[in-house]
C-alpha atoms as a PDB file:
ATOM      1  CA  MET A   1       0.000   0.000   0.000  1.00  0.00           C
ATOM      2  CA  SER A   2       1.026   3.645  -0.207  1.00  0.00           C
ATOM      3  CA  GLU A   3       2.889   5.690   2.384  1.00  0.00           C
ATOM      4  CA  ALA A   4      -0.417   6.532   4.057  1.00  0.00           C
ATOM      5  CA  SER A   5      -1.087   2.914   4.993  1.00  0.00           C
ATOM      6  CA  THR A   6       1.430   2.703   7.820  1.00  0.00           C
ATOM      7  CA  PRO A   7       0.076   5.486  10.070  1.00  0.00           C
ATOM      8  CA  VAL A   8      -3.514   4.523   9.276  1.00  0.00           C
ATOM      9  CA  GLN A   9      -3.077   0.862  10.113  1.00  0.00           C
ATOM     10  CA  LYS A  10      -1.120   1.544  13.300  1.00  0.00           C
ATOM     11  CA  GLU A  11      -3.747   3.880  14.729  1.00  0.00           C
ATOM     12  CA  GLU A  12      -5.963   1.312  16.438  1.00  0.00           C
ATOM     13  CA  ASP A  13      -8.175   4.009  17.977  1.00  0.00           C
ATOM     14  CA  LEU A  14      -9.374   4.976  14.488  1.00  0.00           C
ATOM     15  CA  GLU A  15     -11.309   1.694  14.396  1.00  0.00           C
ATOM     16  CA  LEU A  16     -11.048   1.321  10.624  1.00  0.00           C
ATOM     17  CA  ASP A  17     -12.181  -1.978   9.142  1.00  0.00           C
ATOM     18  CA  ASP A  18     -11.075  -3.712   5.946  1.00  0.00           C
ATOM     19  CA  ASP A  19     -13.705  -1.894   3.873  1.00  0.00           C
ATOM     20  CA  ASP A  20     -12.372   1.490   5.000  1.00  0.00           C
ATOM     21  CA  LEU A  21      -8.769   0.535   4.253  1.00  0.00           C
ATOM     22  CA  GLU A  22      -9.782  -0.856   0.861  1.00  0.00           C
ATOM     23  CA  ILE A  23     -11.107   2.585  -0.126  1.00  0.00           C
ATOM     24  CA  ILE A  24      -7.694   4.086   0.669  1.00  0.00           C
ATOM     25  CA  ARG A  25      -5.955   1.377  -1.366  1.00  0.00           C
ATOM     26  CA  LYS A  26      -8.354   1.612  -4.287  1.00  0.00           C
ATOM     27  CA  GLU A  27      -7.928   5.383  -4.584  1.00  0.00           C
ATOM     28  CA  LYS A  28      -4.120   4.979  -4.388  1.00  0.00           C
ATOM     29  CA  VAL A  29      -3.731   7.546  -1.609  1.00  0.00           C
ATOM     30  CA  ASN A  30      -0.063   8.348  -0.972  1.00  0.00           C
ATOM     31  CA  GLY A  31       1.577  10.351   1.808  1.00  0.00           C
ATOM     32  CA  ARG A  32       0.806  13.802   0.427  1.00  0.00           C
ATOM     33  CA  ASP A  33      -2.712  12.815  -0.599  1.00  0.00           C
ATOM     34  CA  PHE A  34      -3.359  11.560   2.920  1.00  0.00           C
ATOM     35  CA  LEU A  35      -2.603  14.964   4.442  1.00  0.00           C
ATOM     36  CA  LYS A  36      -5.221  16.532   2.137  1.00  0.00           C
ATOM     37  CA  LEU A  37      -8.031  14.123   3.021  1.00  0.00           C
ATOM     38  CA  THR A  38     -11.329  15.626   4.129  1.00  0.00           C
ATOM     39  CA  GLU A  39     -14.479  14.049   5.465  1.00  0.00           C
ATOM     40  CA  GLU A  40     -16.346  15.074   2.303  1.00  0.00           C
ATOM     41  CA  LYS A  41     -13.802  13.413   0.005  1.00  0.00           C
ATOM     42  CA  LEU A  42     -13.890  10.160   1.954  1.00  0.00           C
ATOM     43  CA  GLU A  43     -17.686  10.010   2.049  1.00  0.00           C
ATOM     44  CA  ARG A  44     -17.828  10.726  -1.677  1.00  0.00           C
ATOM     45  CA  HIS A  45     -15.807   7.567  -2.276  1.00  0.00           C
ATOM     46  CA  GLY A  46     -18.083   5.423  -0.136  1.00  0.00           C
ATOM     47  CA  MET A  47     -16.693   5.659   3.398  1.00  0.00           C
ATOM     48  CA  LYS A  48     -19.245   5.888   6.204  1.00  0.00           C
ATOM     49  CA  MET A  49     -19.526   9.116   8.202  1.00  0.00           C
ATOM     50  CA  GLY A  50     -17.956   7.724  11.400  1.00  0.00           C
ATOM     51  CA  PRO A  51     -14.655   6.416  10.007  1.00  0.00           C
ATOM     52  CA  ALA A  52     -14.535   9.302   7.498  1.00  0.00           C
ATOM     53  CA  SER A  53     -14.698  11.812  10.336  1.00  0.00           C
ATOM     54  CA  ARG A  54     -12.062  10.008  12.415  1.00  0.00           C
ATOM     55  CA  LEU A  55      -9.700   9.601   9.475  1.00  0.00           C
ATOM     56  CA  ALA A  56     -10.094  13.231   8.357  1.00  0.00           C
ATOM     57  CA  ASP A  57      -9.336  14.427  11.895  1.00  0.00           C
ATOM     58  CA  PHE A  58      -6.278  12.182  12.039  1.00  0.00           C
ATOM     59  CA  ALA A  59      -5.037  13.499   8.676  1.00  0.00           C
ATOM     60  CA  LYS A  60      -5.393  17.037  10.001  1.00  0.00           C
ATOM     61  CA  GLU A  61      -3.432  16.146  13.142  1.00  0.00           C
ATOM     62  CA  CYS A  62      -0.639  14.641  11.041  1.00  0.00           C
ATOM     63  CA  LYS A  63      -0.487  17.756   8.892  1.00  0.00           C
ATOM     64  CA  GLU A  64      -0.243  19.996  11.924  1.00  0.00           C
ATOM     65  CA  ARG A  65       2.571  18.056  13.539  1.00  0.00           C
ATOM     66  CA  LYS A  66       5.621  20.245  13.222  1.00  0.00           C
ATOM     67  CA  LYS A  67       8.353  18.895  10.976  1.00  0.00           C
ATOM     68  CA  ARG A  68      11.861  20.268  11.350  1.00  0.00           C
ATOM     69  CA  SER A  69      13.251  21.929   8.234  1.00  0.00           C
ATOM     70  CA  PHE A  70      16.561  20.854   6.707  1.00  0.00           C
ATOM     71  CA  SER A  71      17.893  24.407   6.883  1.00  0.00           C
ATOM     72  CA  SER A  72      17.519  24.467  10.681  1.00  0.00           C
ATOM     73  CA  TYR A  73      20.464  22.068  11.057  1.00  0.00           C
ATOM     74  CA  LYS A  74      23.253  24.641  11.168  1.00  0.00           C
ATOM     75  CA  THR A  75      25.301  24.252  14.342  1.00  0.00           C
ATOM     76  CA  LEU A  76      28.083  21.946  15.484  1.00  0.00           C
ATOM     77  CA  LYS A  77      25.685  20.657  18.117  1.00  0.00           C
ATOM     78  CA  ASP A  78      23.255  19.615  15.372  1.00  0.00           C
ATOM     79  CA  LEU A  79      26.001  17.761  13.515  1.00  0.00           C
ATOM     80  CA  LYS A  80      27.155  16.032  16.697  1.00  0.00           C
ATOM     81  CA  GLU A  81      23.602  14.883  17.449  1.00  0.00           C
ATOM     82  CA  VAL A  82      23.120  13.567  13.902  1.00  0.00           C
ATOM     83  CA  LEU A  83      26.438  11.687  13.983  1.00  0.00           C
ATOM     84  CA  ALA A  84      25.672  10.252  17.429  1.00  0.00           C
ATOM     85  CA  LYS A  85      22.662   8.430  15.976  1.00  0.00           C
ATOM     86  CA  TYR A  86      25.128   6.338  13.965  1.00  0.00           C
ATOM     87  CA  GLY A  87      27.539   5.693  16.809  1.00  0.00           C
ATOM     88  CA  ILE A  88      29.998   8.376  15.699  1.00  0.00           C
ATOM     89  CA  ASP A  89      31.467  10.377  18.567  1.00  0.00           C
ATOM     90  CA  GLY A  90      32.545  13.789  17.345  1.00  0.00           C
ATOM     91  CA  ASN A  91      31.373  16.991  15.735  1.00  0.00           C
ATOM     92  CA  GLY A  92      33.576  17.007  12.652  1.00  0.00           C
ATOM     93  CA  ILE A  93      33.463  15.304   9.280  1.00  0.00           C
ATOM     94  CA  GLY A  94      36.790  13.620  10.010  1.00  0.00           C
ATOM     95  CA  ALA A  95      34.934  11.254  12.329  1.00  0.00           C
ATOM     96  CA  ILE A  96      33.024   9.738   9.389  1.00  0.00           C
ATOM     97  CA  ARG A  97      34.819   6.730   7.959  1.00  0.00           C
ATOM     98  CA  GLN A  98      35.559   6.797   4.241  1.00  0.00           C
ATOM     99  CA  PHE A  99      34.091   4.432   1.690  1.00  0.00           C
ATOM    100  CA  PRO A 100      35.919   3.294  -1.487  1.00  0.00           C
ATOM    101  CA  PRO A 101      33.989   4.677  -4.483  1.00  0.00           C
ATOM    102  CA  LYS A 102      33.987   2.960  -7.831  1.00  0.00           C
ATOM    103  CA  THR A 103      36.041   4.788 -10.436  1.00  0.00           C
ATOM    104  CA  TYR A 104      35.696   5.242 -14.176  1.00  0.00           C
ATOM    105  CA  THR A 105      38.446   6.488 -16.465  1.00  0.00           C
ATOM    106  CA  LEU A 106      37.593   9.301 -18.871  1.00  0.00           C
ATOM    107  CA  GLU A 107      39.658  10.010 -21.942  1.00  0.00           C
ATOM    108  CA  ASP A 108      40.894  13.566 -22.449  1.00  0.00           C
ATOM    109  CA  ASN A 109      38.806  13.817 -25.610  1.00  0.00           C
ATOM    110  CA  ASP A 110      35.569  12.667 -23.931  1.00  0.00           C
ATOM    111  CA  GLU A 111      32.743  14.739 -25.414  1.00  0.00           C
ATOM    112  CA  GLU A 112      30.971  15.456 -22.124  1.00  0.00           C
ATOM    113  CA  LEU A 113      34.223  16.285 -20.335  1.00  0.00           C
ATOM    114  CA  ILE A 114      35.155  18.767 -23.052  1.00  0.00           C
ATOM    115  CA  GLN A 115      31.669  20.316 -22.916  1.00  0.00           C
ATOM    116  CA  CYS A 116      31.860  20.620 -19.123  1.00  0.00           C
ATOM    117  CA  ILE A 117      35.202  22.416 -19.331  1.00  0.00           C
ATOM    118  CA  LYS A 118      33.733  24.783 -21.935  1.00  0.00           C
ATOM    119  CA  GLU A 119      30.777  25.544 -19.659  1.00  0.00           C
ATOM    120  CA  ILE A 120      33.053  26.236 -16.703  1.00  0.00           C
ATOM    121  CA  LYS A 121      35.299  28.491 -18.790  1.00  0.00           C
ATOM    122  CA  ARG A 122      32.236  30.354 -20.050  1.00  0.00           C
ATOM    123  CA  ARG A 123      31.109  30.978 -16.480  1.00  0.00           C
ATOM    124  CA  LEU A 124      34.601  32.043 -15.467  1.00  0.00           C
ATOM    125  CA  GLY A 125      34.556  34.545 -18.310  1.00  0.00           C
ATOM    126  CA  ASN A 126      31.151  35.911 -17.337  1.00  0.00           C
ATOM    127  CA  MET A 127      31.292  35.769 -13.534  1.00  0.00           C
ATOM    128  CA  GLY A 128      34.949  35.480 -12.619  1.00  0.00           C
ATOM    129  CA  THR A 129      36.826  33.054 -10.384  1.00  0.00           C
ATOM    130  CA  LEU A 130      35.206  31.675  -7.253  1.00  0.00           C
ATOM    131  CA  LEU A 131      36.527  33.410  -4.158  1.00  0.00           C
ATOM    132  CA  ALA A 132      36.097  32.688  -0.462  1.00  0.00           C
ATOM    133  CA  ASP A 133      33.248  35.206  -0.254  1.00  0.00           C
ATOM    134  CA  SER A 134      31.517  34.182  -3.507  1.00  0.00           C
ATOM    135  CA  ASN A 135      27.804  33.733  -2.827  1.00  0.00           C
ATOM    136  CA  GLU A 136      25.899  30.459  -3.013  1.00  0.00           C
ATOM    137  CA  ALA A 137      24.042  31.368  -6.213  1.00  0.00           C
ATOM    138  CA  MET A 138      27.343  31.870  -8.029  1.00  0.00           C
ATOM    139  CA  ARG A 139      28.685  28.574  -6.722  1.00  0.00           C
ATOM    140  CA  CYS A 140      25.542  26.774  -7.883  1.00  0.00           C
ATOM    141  CA  GLU A 141      26.241  27.937 -11.446  1.00  0.00           C
ATOM    142  CA  TYR A 142      29.434  25.877 -11.409  1.00  0.00           C
ATOM    143  CA  ILE A 143      27.887  22.999  -9.455  1.00  0.00           C
ATOM    144  CA  SER A 144      25.105  22.736 -12.022  1.00  0.00           C
ATOM    145  CA  ALA A 145      27.544  22.538 -14.943  1.00  0.00           C
ATOM    146  CA  ILE A 146      29.506  19.729 -13.291  1.00  0.00           C
ATOM    147  CA  LEU A 147      26.389  17.788 -12.274  1.00  0.00           C
ATOM    148  CA  HIS A 148      24.848  17.952 -15.749  1.00  0.00           C
ATOM    149  CA  ALA A 149      28.036  16.674 -17.369  1.00  0.00           C
ATOM    150  CA  SER A 150      28.383  13.936 -14.752  1.00  0.00           C
ATOM    151  CA  LEU A 151      24.821  12.745 -15.305  1.00  0.00           C
ATOM    152  CA  TYR A 152      25.317  12.476 -19.047  1.00  0.00           C
ATOM    153  CA  ILE A 153      28.416  10.375 -18.457  1.00  0.00           C
ATOM    154  CA  VAL A 154      26.650   8.135 -15.922  1.00  0.00           C
ATOM    155  CA  LYS A 155      23.700   7.638 -18.274  1.00  0.00           C
ATOM    156  CA  ARG A 156      26.082   6.664 -21.037  1.00  0.00           C
ATOM    157  CA  ILE A 157      27.847   4.130 -18.813  1.00  0.00           C
ATOM    158  CA  THR A 158      24.783   2.628 -17.129  1.00  0.00           C
ATOM    159  CA  GLU A 159      22.247   3.068 -19.947  1.00  0.00           C
ATOM    160  CA  LYS A 160      19.706   4.051 -17.304  1.00  0.00           C
ATOM    161  CA  GLU A 161      17.209   6.901 -17.309  1.00  0.00           C
ATOM    162  CA  ILE A 162      18.582   9.382 -14.776  1.00  0.00           C
ATOM    163  CA  THR A 163      17.386  12.940 -14.253  1.00  0.00           C
ATOM    164  CA  LEU A 164      18.428  15.987 -12.237  1.00  0.00           C
ATOM    165  CA  ALA A 165      15.777  17.776 -10.175  1.00  0.00           C
ATOM    166  CA  PRO A 166      16.799  21.170  -8.731  1.00  0.00           C
ATOM    167  CA  GLN A 167      15.058  22.440  -5.600  1.00  0.00           C
ATOM    168  CA  LEU A 168      13.111  19.233  -5.091  1.00  0.00           C
ATOM    169  CA  GLU A 169      10.830  19.190  -2.057  1.00  0.00           C
ATOM    170  CA  VAL A 170      11.337  16.187   0.223  1.00  0.00           C
ATOM    171  CA  VAL A 171       8.852  15.488   3.017  1.00  0.00           C
ATOM    172  CA  SER A 172       9.502  12.690   5.499  1.00  0.00           C
ATOM    173  CA  GLU A 173       8.168  11.641   8.886  1.00  0.00           C
ATOM    174  CA  GLU A 174      10.288  14.121  10.855  1.00  0.00           C
ATOM    175  CA  ASN A 175      11.751  16.624   8.397  1.00  0.00           C
ATOM    176  CA  THR A 176      10.847  18.672   5.370  1.00  0.00           C
ATOM    177  CA  GLY A 177      12.381  21.110   2.923  1.00  0.00           C
ATOM    178  CA  ARG A 178      13.871  21.533  -0.521  1.00  0.00           C
ATOM    179  CA  VAL A 179      17.184  19.995  -1.516  1.00  0.00           C
ATOM    180  CA  ASP A 180      19.484  21.911  -3.854  1.00  0.00           C
ATOM    181  CA  TYR A 181      19.756  19.046  -6.350  1.00  0.00           C
ATOM    182  CA  ALA A 182      18.293  15.557  -6.421  1.00  0.00           C
ATOM    183  CA  VAL A 183      19.385  12.837  -8.819  1.00  0.00           C
ATOM    184  CA  LYS A 184      16.563  10.475  -9.711  1.00  0.00           C
ATOM    185  CA  ALA A 185      16.323   7.122 -11.449  1.00  0.00           C
ATOM    186  CA  LEU A 186      12.715   7.120 -12.617  1.00  0.00           C
ATOM    187  CA  GLU A 187      10.881   8.121  -9.402  1.00  0.00           C
ATOM    188  CA  GLU A 188      13.546   6.829  -7.031  1.00  0.00           C
ATOM    189  CA  LEU A 189      15.948   9.273  -5.398  1.00  0.00           C
ATOM    190  CA  ILE A 190      19.522   8.028  -5.651  1.00  0.00           C
ATOM    191  CA  CYS A 191      21.565  11.110  -4.741  1.00  0.00           C
ATOM    192  CA  ILE A 192      21.003  14.356  -2.825  1.00  0.00           C
ATOM    193  CA  THR A 193      23.359  17.314  -3.331  1.00  0.00           C
ATOM    194  CA  GLU A 194      23.777  20.234  -0.934  1.00  0.00           C
ATOM    195  CA  GLY A 195      25.549  23.313  -2.294  1.00  0.00           C
ATOM    196  CA  ARG A 196      27.357  25.339   0.346  1.00  0.00           C
ATOM    197  CA  LEU A 197      28.854  28.793   0.542  1.00  0.00           C
ATOM    198  CA  TYR A 198      31.718  27.805   2.835  1.00  0.00           C
ATOM    199  CA  GLN A 199      30.303  26.051   5.938  1.00  0.00           C
ATOM    200  CA  VAL A 200      30.978  22.512   4.762  1.00  0.00           C
ATOM    201  CA  VAL A 201      30.576  21.043   8.246  1.00  0.00           C
ATOM    202  CA  MET A 202      27.069  22.483   8.510  1.00  0.00           C
ATOM    203  CA  GLY A 203      26.346  21.180   5.031  1.00  0.00           C
ATOM    204  CA  PHE A 204      27.079  17.674   6.270  1.00  0.00           C
ATOM    205  CA  ALA A 205      24.476  17.950   9.036  1.00  0.00           C
ATOM    206  CA  GLN A 206      21.830  19.086   6.556  1.00  0.00           C
ATOM    207  CA  ASN A 207      22.800  16.564   3.893  1.00  0.00           C
ATOM    208  CA  LEU A 208      22.683  13.628   6.300  1.00  0.00           C
ATOM    209  CA  VAL A 209      19.166  14.579   7.373  1.00  0.00           C
ATOM    210  CA  GLN A 210      18.183  15.100   3.726  1.00  0.00           C
ATOM    211  CA  CYS A 211      19.489  11.644   2.841  1.00  0.00           C
ATOM    212  CA  LYS A 212      17.611  10.096   5.748  1.00  0.00           C
ATOM    213  CA  SER A 213      14.403  11.773   4.618  1.00  0.00           C
ATOM    214  CA  ALA A 214      14.901  10.789   0.977  1.00  0.00           C
ATOM    215  CA  LEU A 215      15.531   7.196   2.003  1.00  0.00           C
ATOM    216  CA  GLN A 216      12.281   7.123   3.945  1.00  0.00           C
ATOM    217  CA  VAL A 217      10.249   8.089   0.887  1.00  0.00           C
ATOM    218  CA  ASN A 218      12.196   5.930  -1.537  1.00  0.00           C
ATOM    219  CA  LYS A 219      11.349   2.540  -2.836  1.00  0.00           C
ATOM    220  CA  LYS A 220      13.644  -0.092  -1.347  1.00  0.00           C
ATOM    221  CA  ARG A 221      16.823  -0.825  -3.207  1.00  0.00           C
ATOM    222  CA  LYS A 222      19.418  -3.507  -2.701  1.00  0.00           C
ATOM    223  CA  ALA A 223      23.137  -2.929  -2.406  1.00  0.00           C
ATOM    224  CA  ASP A 224      25.236  -6.067  -2.346  1.00  0.00           C
ATOM    225  CA  THR A 225      28.649  -4.485  -2.731  1.00  0.00           C
ATOM    226  CA  ALA A 226      28.970  -1.443  -0.502  1.00  0.00           C
ATOM    227  CA  PHE A 227      29.138  -3.084   2.925  1.00  0.00           C
ATOM    228  CA  GLY A 228      28.907  -6.723   1.940  1.00  0.00           C
ATOM    229  CA  GLU A 229      25.229  -7.002   2.818  1.00  0.00           C
ATOM    230  CA  ASP A 230      21.837  -5.960   1.501  1.00  0.00           C
ATOM    231  CA  PHE A 231      20.446  -2.650   2.711  1.00  0.00           C
ATOM    232  CA  ASP A 232      18.749   0.490   1.521  1.00  0.00           C
ATOM    233  CA  TYR A 233      21.087   3.327   0.638  1.00  0.00           C
ATOM    234  CA  ILE A 234      21.426   6.703  -1.025  1.00  0.00           C
ATOM    235  CA  TYR A 235      24.347   8.942  -1.947  1.00  0.00           C
ATOM    236  CA  GLY A 236      24.848  12.432  -0.593  1.00  0.00           C
ATOM    237  CA  ILE A 237      27.098  15.204  -1.865  1.00  0.00           C
ATOM    238  CA  VAL A 238      28.221  18.341  -0.055  1.00  0.00           C
ATOM    239  CA  THR A 239      30.065  20.781  -2.282  1.00  0.00           C
ATOM    240  CA  THR A 240      31.276  24.361  -2.487  1.00  0.00           C
ATOM    241  CA  ALA A 241      31.827  23.877  -6.258  1.00  0.00           C
ATOM    242  CA  THR A 242      35.591  23.694  -5.700  1.00  0.00           C
ATOM    243  CA  ASP A 243      35.538  21.047  -2.947  1.00  0.00           C
ATOM    244  CA  TRP A 244      33.362  17.936  -3.237  1.00  0.00           C
ATOM    245  CA  TYR A 245      32.519  15.503  -0.422  1.00  0.00           C
ATOM    246  CA  PHE A 246      30.642  12.260  -1.048  1.00  0.00           C
ATOM    247  CA  ILE A 247      28.551  10.347   1.479  1.00  0.00           C
ATOM    248  CA  LEU A 248      27.201   6.813   1.318  1.00  0.00           C
ATOM    249  CA  TYR A 249      24.129   6.873   3.534  1.00  0.00           C
ATOM    250  CA  ALA A 250      22.456   3.678   4.715  1.00  0.00           C
ATOM    251  CA  SER A 251      19.656   3.245   7.209  1.00  0.00           C
ATOM    252  CA  ASP A 252      22.079   2.025   9.874  1.00  0.00           C
ATOM    253  CA  ARG A 253      25.426   3.592   8.961  1.00  0.00           C
ATOM    254  CA  ILE A 254      27.141   6.354   7.032  1.00  0.00           C
ATOM    255  CA  SER A 255      30.538   6.687   5.399  1.00  0.00           C
END
């Protein structure tokens, strides 16, 4: 069933029977749809007044529950608390163990590589070199050029349909907000990118929470190579355009 099924089925005090749940399944109500449910909508699709009223009230309560925004994670204390959830004692990115990424060799005459260099040179000519005080919008111009070229190369290698979604809204059980860039394979999020002005450490706190949220709304995927076992995972990137940090985020560990 959709994302809405879990909270509905766990709320025993709603006293919903199989007929009520079947209406939710039949109408393919997902997480966002659930938050917009009203008593009138439910009754229109055949639900009795009692359960329709209880379910509409519950949907309203869920909507009103405060979710913490990604952008609110901006202190060393926040990062330390996020890392502590994965058994990492510290408030710096050096405490996160590294993972060995797969590599792919590009020839100097690779078409996408050449195009990427042209795009970067064009931006350098129009906007100038990135400096320590260059704003985030300027940095995103360079980040975007690199991401677009990278996606074309990955699509060529994997022969998979992969897209880039800027400013994608991600809503999970505890957090909400827009991510700077999301890489998607069909409807499944596979990578979340956070562009930063200079506070890379703070970017890690936000990106880890973004990855956690994206993983919650994702379909389950298997990874049989990263840690030698099957688990759900997603990649995170924190970048200032000149420095790039990559995260492998799993439900029970990060690296």
